[in-house]
Amino acid sequence: MIVADTNLLIYLYVQGQRTEESEAVLQRDAVWAAPLLWRSEFRNALIGLVRAGALQIDEALTMIDEAERWLTGHEYSMLSRHVMALASRSGCSAYDCEFVALAQDLEVPLVTTDRQILKAFPSIAMSPSAFTA
């Protein structure tokens, strides 16, 4: 099991430069977990792509349905005190620290492309390429 950040999920569902990278992570470990926050971030990223004309709304809704089904049972609510302590110490956003907190709680890696998280939490956060190496 890994904790996957929302960008990794977007890269998996929306074909682009980083899709292969996300697929390689999926091949290495097919059990992904995320804080409940992923849903809002995922929806926001997809509506941005719809507004930019890169996706049709029906495509975005299908992606949301599939991702929500796939992550059922692997979504977690995070304790505010844990998230705030991480954010306070690291300078990362509270949003990002939800993913870090979950990885710490589950004692699994957080796979992310976020450079700030990778720098602030090198003991738990790893890039997709490092994870698949």
C-alpha atoms as a PDB file:
ATOM      1  CA  MET A   1       0.000   0.000   0.000  1.00  0.00           C
ATOM      2  CA  ILE A   2       1.026   3.579  -0.702  1.00  0.00           C
ATOM      3  CA  VAL A   3      -0.479   6.967  -0.065  1.00  0.00           C
ATOM      4  CA  ALA A   4      -0.933   8.649  -3.431  1.00  0.00           C
ATOM      5  CA  ASP A   5      -1.240  12.373  -3.750  1.00  0.00           C
ATOM      6  CA  THR A   6      -3.990  13.801  -5.929  1.00  0.00           C
ATOM      7  CA  ASN A   7      -1.634  14.686  -8.762  1.00  0.00           C
ATOM      8  CA  LEU A   8      -0.610  11.043  -9.059  1.00  0.00           C
ATOM      9  CA  LEU A   9      -4.290  10.146  -9.389  1.00  0.00           C
ATOM     10  CA  ILE A  10      -4.854  12.835 -12.005  1.00  0.00           C
ATOM     11  CA  TYR A  11      -1.829  11.618 -13.983  1.00  0.00           C
ATOM     12  CA  LEU A  12      -3.276   8.104 -13.903  1.00  0.00           C
ATOM     13  CA  TYR A  13      -6.708   9.107 -15.208  1.00  0.00           C
ATOM     14  CA  VAL A  14      -5.847  11.984 -17.556  1.00  0.00           C
ATOM     15  CA  GLN A  15      -3.508  10.996 -20.365  1.00  0.00           C
ATOM     16  CA  GLY A  16      -0.413  13.188 -20.403  1.00  0.00           C
ATOM     17  CA  GLN A  17       3.327  13.403 -19.843  1.00  0.00           C
ATOM     18  CA  ARG A  18       3.212  11.725 -16.444  1.00  0.00           C
ATOM     19  CA  THR A  19       0.659   9.003 -17.130  1.00  0.00           C
ATOM     20  CA  GLU A  20       3.332   6.336 -17.717  1.00  0.00           C
ATOM     21  CA  GLU A  21       4.957   7.278 -14.420  1.00  0.00           C
ATOM     22  CA  SER A  22       1.676   6.826 -12.547  1.00  0.00           C
ATOM     23  CA  GLU A  23       0.994   3.547 -14.319  1.00  0.00           C
ATOM     24  CA  ALA A  24       4.444   2.288 -13.277  1.00  0.00           C
ATOM     25  CA  VAL A  25       3.621   3.131  -9.648  1.00  0.00           C
ATOM     26  CA  LEU A  26       0.315   1.272 -10.020  1.00  0.00           C
ATOM     27  CA  GLN A  27       2.107  -1.784 -11.409  1.00  0.00           C
ATOM     28  CA  ARG A  28       4.489  -1.783  -8.449  1.00  0.00           C
ATOM     29  CA  ASP A  29       1.717  -1.335  -5.867  1.00  0.00           C
ATOM     30  CA  ALA A  30      -1.965  -1.413  -6.800  1.00  0.00           C
ATOM     31  CA  VAL A  31      -3.309  -0.480  -3.367  1.00  0.00           C
ATOM     32  CA  TRP A  32      -3.495   3.274  -3.035  1.00  0.00           C
ATOM     33  CA  ALA A  33      -4.815   5.211  -0.048  1.00  0.00           C
ATOM     34  CA  ALA A  34      -5.615   8.900   0.350  1.00  0.00           C
ATOM     35  CA  PRO A  35      -7.165  11.299   2.843  1.00  0.00           C
ATOM     36  CA  LEU A  36     -10.767  12.232   2.044  1.00  0.00           C
ATOM     37  CA  LEU A  37      -9.438  15.567   0.814  1.00  0.00           C
ATOM     38  CA  TRP A  38      -8.353  13.856  -2.432  1.00  0.00           C
ATOM     39  CA  ARG A  39     -11.948  13.971  -3.681  1.00  0.00           C
ATOM     40  CA  SER A  40     -12.154  17.775  -3.556  1.00  0.00           C
ATOM     41  CA  GLU A  41      -8.713  18.208  -5.093  1.00  0.00           C
ATOM     42  CA  PHE A  42      -9.496  15.669  -7.828  1.00  0.00           C
ATOM     43  CA  ARG A  43     -12.796  17.358  -8.686  1.00  0.00           C
ATOM     44  CA  ASN A  44     -11.109  20.761  -8.752  1.00  0.00           C
ATOM     45  CA  ALA A  45      -8.330  19.576 -11.080  1.00  0.00           C
ATOM     46  CA  LEU A  46     -10.828  17.937 -13.421  1.00  0.00           C
ATOM     47  CA  ILE A  47     -13.142  20.957 -13.598  1.00  0.00           C
ATOM     48  CA  GLY A  48     -10.098  23.057 -14.441  1.00  0.00           C
ATOM     49  CA  LEU A  49      -9.380  20.714 -17.360  1.00  0.00           C
ATOM     50  CA  VAL A  50     -13.038  20.881 -18.430  1.00  0.00           C
ATOM     51  CA  ARG A  51     -12.960  24.681 -18.378  1.00  0.00           C
ATOM     52  CA  ALA A  52      -9.707  24.676 -20.368  1.00  0.00           C
ATOM     53  CA  GLY A  53     -11.317  22.465 -23.001  1.00  0.00           C
ATOM     54  CA  ALA A  54      -8.972  19.532 -22.335  1.00  0.00           C
ATOM     55  CA  LEU A  55     -11.817  17.274 -21.107  1.00  0.00           C
ATOM     56  CA  GLN A  56     -15.535  16.989 -21.613  1.00  0.00           C
ATOM     57  CA  ILE A  57     -17.678  17.076 -18.475  1.00  0.00           C
ATOM     58  CA  ASP A  58     -18.906  13.523 -19.149  1.00  0.00           C
ATOM     59  CA  GLU A  59     -15.300  12.293 -19.293  1.00  0.00           C
ATOM     60  CA  ALA A  60     -14.512  14.034 -16.011  1.00  0.00           C
ATOM     61  CA  LEU A  61     -17.572  12.515 -14.333  1.00  0.00           C
ATOM     62  CA  THR A  62     -16.603   9.038 -15.532  1.00  0.00           C
ATOM     63  CA  MET A  63     -13.091   9.540 -14.122  1.00  0.00           C
ATOM     64  CA  ILE A  64     -14.500  10.664 -10.786  1.00  0.00           C
ATOM     65  CA  ASP A  65     -16.841   7.678 -10.616  1.00  0.00           C
ATOM     66  CA  GLU A  66     -14.030   5.236 -11.401  1.00  0.00           C
ATOM     67  CA  ALA A  67     -11.553   6.801  -8.964  1.00  0.00           C
ATOM     68  CA  GLU A  68     -14.103   6.930  -6.152  1.00  0.00           C
ATOM     69  CA  ARG A  69     -15.011   3.257  -6.667  1.00  0.00           C
ATOM     70  CA  TRP A  70     -11.334   2.265  -6.767  1.00  0.00           C
ATOM     71  CA  LEU A  71     -10.416   4.109  -3.568  1.00  0.00           C
ATOM     72  CA  THR A  72     -13.464   2.969  -1.597  1.00  0.00           C
ATOM     73  CA  GLY A  73     -12.233   1.515   1.678  1.00  0.00           C
ATOM     74  CA  HIS A  74      -8.880   3.305   1.351  1.00  0.00           C
ATOM     75  CA  GLU A  75      -9.968   6.854   2.220  1.00  0.00           C
ATOM     76  CA  TYR A  76      -9.224   8.309   5.610  1.00  0.00           C
ATOM     77  CA  SER A  77     -10.194  11.259   7.771  1.00  0.00           C
ATOM     78  CA  MET A  78      -7.156  12.886   9.341  1.00  0.00           C
ATOM     79  CA  LEU A  79      -6.692  14.286  12.832  1.00  0.00           C
ATOM     80  CA  SER A  80      -6.371  18.062  12.701  1.00  0.00           C
ATOM     81  CA  ARG A  81      -3.694  18.176  15.418  1.00  0.00           C
ATOM     82  CA  HIS A  82      -1.413  15.839  13.457  1.00  0.00           C
ATOM     83  CA  VAL A  83      -1.908  17.751  10.203  1.00  0.00           C
ATOM     84  CA  MET A  84      -1.385  21.141  11.843  1.00  0.00           C
ATOM     85  CA  ALA A  85       1.781  20.013  13.623  1.00  0.00           C
ATOM     86  CA  LEU A  86       3.243  18.795  10.330  1.00  0.00           C
ATOM     87  CA  ALA A  87       2.252  21.974   8.501  1.00  0.00           C
ATOM     88  CA  SER A  88       3.635  24.164  11.262  1.00  0.00           C
ATOM     89  CA  ARG A  89       7.015  22.436  11.273  1.00  0.00           C
ATOM     90  CA  SER A  90       7.418  22.035   7.514  1.00  0.00           C
ATOM     91  CA  GLY A  91       5.970  25.140   5.908  1.00  0.00           C
ATOM     92  CA  CYS A  92       3.884  22.883   3.632  1.00  0.00           C
ATOM     93  CA  SER A  93       0.165  23.499   3.281  1.00  0.00           C
ATOM     94  CA  ALA A  94      -2.270  21.785   5.599  1.00  0.00           C
ATOM     95  CA  TYR A  95      -3.763  20.188   2.472  1.00  0.00           C
ATOM     96  CA  ASP A  96      -0.435  18.573   1.600  1.00  0.00           C
ATOM     97  CA  CYS A  97       0.185  17.555   5.190  1.00  0.00           C
ATOM     98  CA  GLU A  98      -3.010  15.482   5.196  1.00  0.00           C
ATOM     99  CA  PHE A  99      -1.273  13.132   2.772  1.00  0.00           C
ATOM    100  CA  VAL A 100       1.914  13.129   4.871  1.00  0.00           C
ATOM    101  CA  ALA A 101      -0.035  12.438   8.064  1.00  0.00           C
ATOM    102  CA  LEU A 102      -1.825   9.522   6.442  1.00  0.00           C
ATOM    103  CA  ALA A 103       1.430   8.018   5.193  1.00  0.00           C
ATOM    104  CA  GLN A 104       2.870   8.328   8.694  1.00  0.00           C
ATOM    105  CA  ASP A 105      -0.236   6.791  10.283  1.00  0.00           C
ATOM    106  CA  LEU A 106      -0.274   3.853   7.845  1.00  0.00           C
ATOM    107  CA  GLU A 107       3.541   3.554   7.893  1.00  0.00           C
ATOM    108  CA  VAL A 108       3.697   3.481   4.100  1.00  0.00           C
ATOM    109  CA  PRO A 109       5.376   5.773   1.566  1.00  0.00           C
ATOM    110  CA  LEU A 110       3.707   8.867   0.182  1.00  0.00           C
ATOM    111  CA  VAL A 111       4.290   8.925  -3.567  1.00  0.00           C
ATOM    112  CA  THR A 112       4.212  12.485  -4.831  1.00  0.00           C
ATOM    113  CA  THR A 113       5.719  14.834  -7.387  1.00  0.00           C
ATOM    114  CA  ASP A 114       5.440  17.800  -5.019  1.00  0.00           C
ATOM    115  CA  ARG A 115       8.983  19.100  -4.535  1.00  0.00           C
ATOM    116  CA  GLN A 116       8.193  20.903  -1.295  1.00  0.00           C
ATOM    117  CA  ILE A 117       6.814  17.730   0.284  1.00  0.00           C
ATOM    118  CA  LEU A 118       9.718  15.651  -1.039  1.00  0.00           C
ATOM    119  CA  LYS A 119      12.179  18.096   0.521  1.00  0.00           C
ATOM    120  CA  ALA A 120      10.329  18.532   3.828  1.00  0.00           C
ATOM    121  CA  PHE A 121       9.566  14.837   4.407  1.00  0.00           C
ATOM    122  CA  PRO A 122      12.366  12.783   2.827  1.00  0.00           C
ATOM    123  CA  SER A 123      11.864   9.877   5.225  1.00  0.00           C
ATOM    124  CA  ILE A 124       8.314   9.144   4.010  1.00  0.00           C
ATOM    125  CA  ALA A 125       7.767  10.996   0.713  1.00  0.00           C
ATOM    126  CA  MET A 126       9.216   9.727  -2.535  1.00  0.00           C
ATOM    127  CA  SER A 127       8.887  10.579  -6.178  1.00  0.00           C
ATOM    128  CA  PRO A 128       7.243   8.111  -8.558  1.00  0.00           C
ATOM    129  CA  SER A 129      10.597   7.405 -10.198  1.00  0.00           C
ATOM    130  CA  ALA A 130      12.255   6.692  -6.858  1.00  0.00           C
ATOM    131  CA  PHE A 131       9.357   4.436  -5.852  1.00  0.00           C
ATOM    132  CA  THR A 132       9.549   2.400  -9.041  1.00  0.00           C
ATOM    133  CA  ALA A 133      13.356   2.206  -9.154  1.00  0.00           C
END
